[in-house]
Amino acid sequence: MTNITLSIEDSIYKQMRTYSEIKWSEYVRKMIQKRLQELEILKKLPKNESVLTMLASEEVLKKEWDNEADERWNTV
């Protein structure tokens, strides 16, 4: 398995530490895997370039991170 380094703001890290029971690396690993699966599906669709660009944009990713589905991890 390959390791990667992820930079996050200090304030985010402090919040993450309050939920020490969550395996953050596992969560990130699953989210990356989910995104890759979505991209592979979209890759097979016609005229996919604009959709792939949109999905990869930083602002879209930020919006998706702050959604209700991700809040379920706060109670794990």
C-alpha atoms as a PDB file:
ATOM      1  CA  MET A   1       0.000   0.000   0.000  1.00  0.00           C
ATOM      2  CA  THR A   2       1.205   3.487  -0.839  1.00  0.00           C
ATOM      3  CA  ASN A   3       1.173   6.356   1.649  1.00  0.00           C
ATOM      4  CA  ILE A   4       0.217   9.914   0.777  1.00  0.00           C
ATOM      5  CA  THR A   5       0.555  13.141   2.725  1.00  0.00           C
ATOM      6  CA  LEU A   6      -2.443  15.388   3.127  1.00  0.00           C
ATOM      7  CA  SER A   7      -2.260  19.001   4.234  1.00  0.00           C
ATOM      8  CA  ILE A   8      -5.190  20.449   6.163  1.00  0.00           C
ATOM      9  CA  GLU A   9      -5.701  23.613   8.126  1.00  0.00           C
ATOM     10  CA  ASP A  10      -4.917  23.562  11.840  1.00  0.00           C
ATOM     11  CA  SER A  11      -8.508  24.381  12.757  1.00  0.00           C
ATOM     12  CA  ILE A  12      -9.759  21.361  10.808  1.00  0.00           C
ATOM     13  CA  TYR A  13      -7.182  19.126  12.452  1.00  0.00           C
ATOM     14  CA  LYS A  14      -8.259  20.294  15.899  1.00  0.00           C
ATOM     15  CA  GLN A  15     -11.851  19.442  15.072  1.00  0.00           C
ATOM     16  CA  MET A  16     -10.835  16.038  13.765  1.00  0.00           C
ATOM     17  CA  ARG A  17      -9.012  15.304  17.010  1.00  0.00           C
ATOM     18  CA  THR A  18     -12.240  15.794  18.966  1.00  0.00           C
ATOM     19  CA  TYR A  19     -13.539  12.743  17.089  1.00  0.00           C
ATOM     20  CA  SER A  20     -10.593  10.488  17.753  1.00  0.00           C
ATOM     21  CA  GLU A  21     -12.777   7.387  17.465  1.00  0.00           C
ATOM     22  CA  ILE A  22     -13.107   8.000  13.718  1.00  0.00           C
ATOM     23  CA  LYS A  23     -10.448   6.432  11.550  1.00  0.00           C
ATOM     24  CA  TRP A  24      -9.864   9.443   9.347  1.00  0.00           C
ATOM     25  CA  SER A  25      -7.438   7.733   7.002  1.00  0.00           C
ATOM     26  CA  GLU A  26     -10.022   5.023   6.341  1.00  0.00           C
ATOM     27  CA  TYR A  27     -12.692   7.652   5.723  1.00  0.00           C
ATOM     28  CA  VAL A  28     -10.505   9.517   3.230  1.00  0.00           C
ATOM     29  CA  ARG A  29      -9.510   6.264   1.551  1.00  0.00           C
ATOM     30  CA  LYS A  30     -13.184   5.353   1.049  1.00  0.00           C
ATOM     31  CA  MET A  31     -14.068   8.806  -0.268  1.00  0.00           C
ATOM     32  CA  ILE A  32     -11.217   8.650  -2.799  1.00  0.00           C
ATOM     33  CA  GLN A  33     -12.360   5.212  -3.879  1.00  0.00           C
ATOM     34  CA  LYS A  34     -15.948   6.445  -4.234  1.00  0.00           C
ATOM     35  CA  ARG A  35     -14.855   9.439  -6.333  1.00  0.00           C
ATOM     36  CA  LEU A  36     -12.769   7.213  -8.595  1.00  0.00           C
ATOM     37  CA  GLN A  37     -15.727   4.894  -9.154  1.00  0.00           C
ATOM     38  CA  GLU A  38     -17.917   7.870 -10.072  1.00  0.00           C
ATOM     39  CA  LEU A  39     -15.295   9.188 -12.458  1.00  0.00           C
ATOM     40  CA  GLU A  40     -14.931   5.802 -14.131  1.00  0.00           C
ATOM     41  CA  ILE A  41     -18.682   5.666 -14.741  1.00  0.00           C
ATOM     42  CA  LEU A  42     -18.707   9.198 -16.144  1.00  0.00           C
ATOM     43  CA  LYS A  43     -15.695   8.464 -18.296  1.00  0.00           C
ATOM     44  CA  LYS A  44     -17.799   5.997 -20.277  1.00  0.00           C
ATOM     45  CA  LEU A  45     -20.523   8.532 -21.036  1.00  0.00           C
ATOM     46  CA  PRO A  46     -20.479  10.625 -24.205  1.00  0.00           C
ATOM     47  CA  LYS A  47     -19.409  14.258 -23.899  1.00  0.00           C
ATOM     48  CA  ASN A  48     -17.922  13.636 -20.472  1.00  0.00           C
ATOM     49  CA  GLU A  49     -15.092  16.177 -20.479  1.00  0.00           C
ATOM     50  CA  SER A  50     -17.091  19.069 -19.006  1.00  0.00           C
ATOM     51  CA  VAL A  51     -18.614  16.810 -16.354  1.00  0.00           C
ATOM     52  CA  LEU A  52     -15.203  15.477 -15.327  1.00  0.00           C
ATOM     53  CA  THR A  53     -13.836  19.006 -15.120  1.00  0.00           C
ATOM     54  CA  MET A  54     -16.744  20.066 -12.916  1.00  0.00           C
ATOM     55  CA  LEU A  55     -16.388  17.058 -10.625  1.00  0.00           C
ATOM     56  CA  ALA A  56     -12.692  17.639 -10.177  1.00  0.00           C
ATOM     57  CA  SER A  57     -13.049  21.312  -9.336  1.00  0.00           C
ATOM     58  CA  GLU A  58     -12.044  22.325  -5.855  1.00  0.00           C
ATOM     59  CA  GLU A  59     -15.262  24.212  -5.176  1.00  0.00           C
ATOM     60  CA  VAL A  60     -17.436  21.221  -6.010  1.00  0.00           C
ATOM     61  CA  LEU A  61     -15.345  19.026  -3.752  1.00  0.00           C
ATOM     62  CA  LYS A  62     -15.674  21.537  -0.899  1.00  0.00           C
ATOM     63  CA  LYS A  63     -19.457  21.613  -1.274  1.00  0.00           C
ATOM     64  CA  GLU A  64     -19.628  17.825  -1.248  1.00  0.00           C
ATOM     65  CA  TRP A  65     -17.479  17.614   1.878  1.00  0.00           C
ATOM     66  CA  ASP A  66     -19.914  19.840   3.775  1.00  0.00           C
ATOM     67  CA  ASN A  67     -23.032  17.799   3.133  1.00  0.00           C
ATOM     68  CA  GLU A  68     -25.351  15.915   5.455  1.00  0.00           C
ATOM     69  CA  ALA A  69     -24.165  12.490   4.344  1.00  0.00           C
ATOM     70  CA  ASP A  70     -20.726  13.204   5.739  1.00  0.00           C
ATOM     71  CA  GLU A  71     -22.185  14.282   9.087  1.00  0.00           C
ATOM     72  CA  ARG A  72     -23.030  10.646   9.861  1.00  0.00           C
ATOM     73  CA  TRP A  73     -19.320  10.068  10.492  1.00  0.00           C
ATOM     74  CA  ASN A  74     -19.423  12.465  13.421  1.00  0.00           C
ATOM     75  CA  THR A  75     -21.473   9.963  15.394  1.00  0.00           C
ATOM     76  CA  VAL A  76     -19.484   6.830  14.549  1.00  0.00           C
END
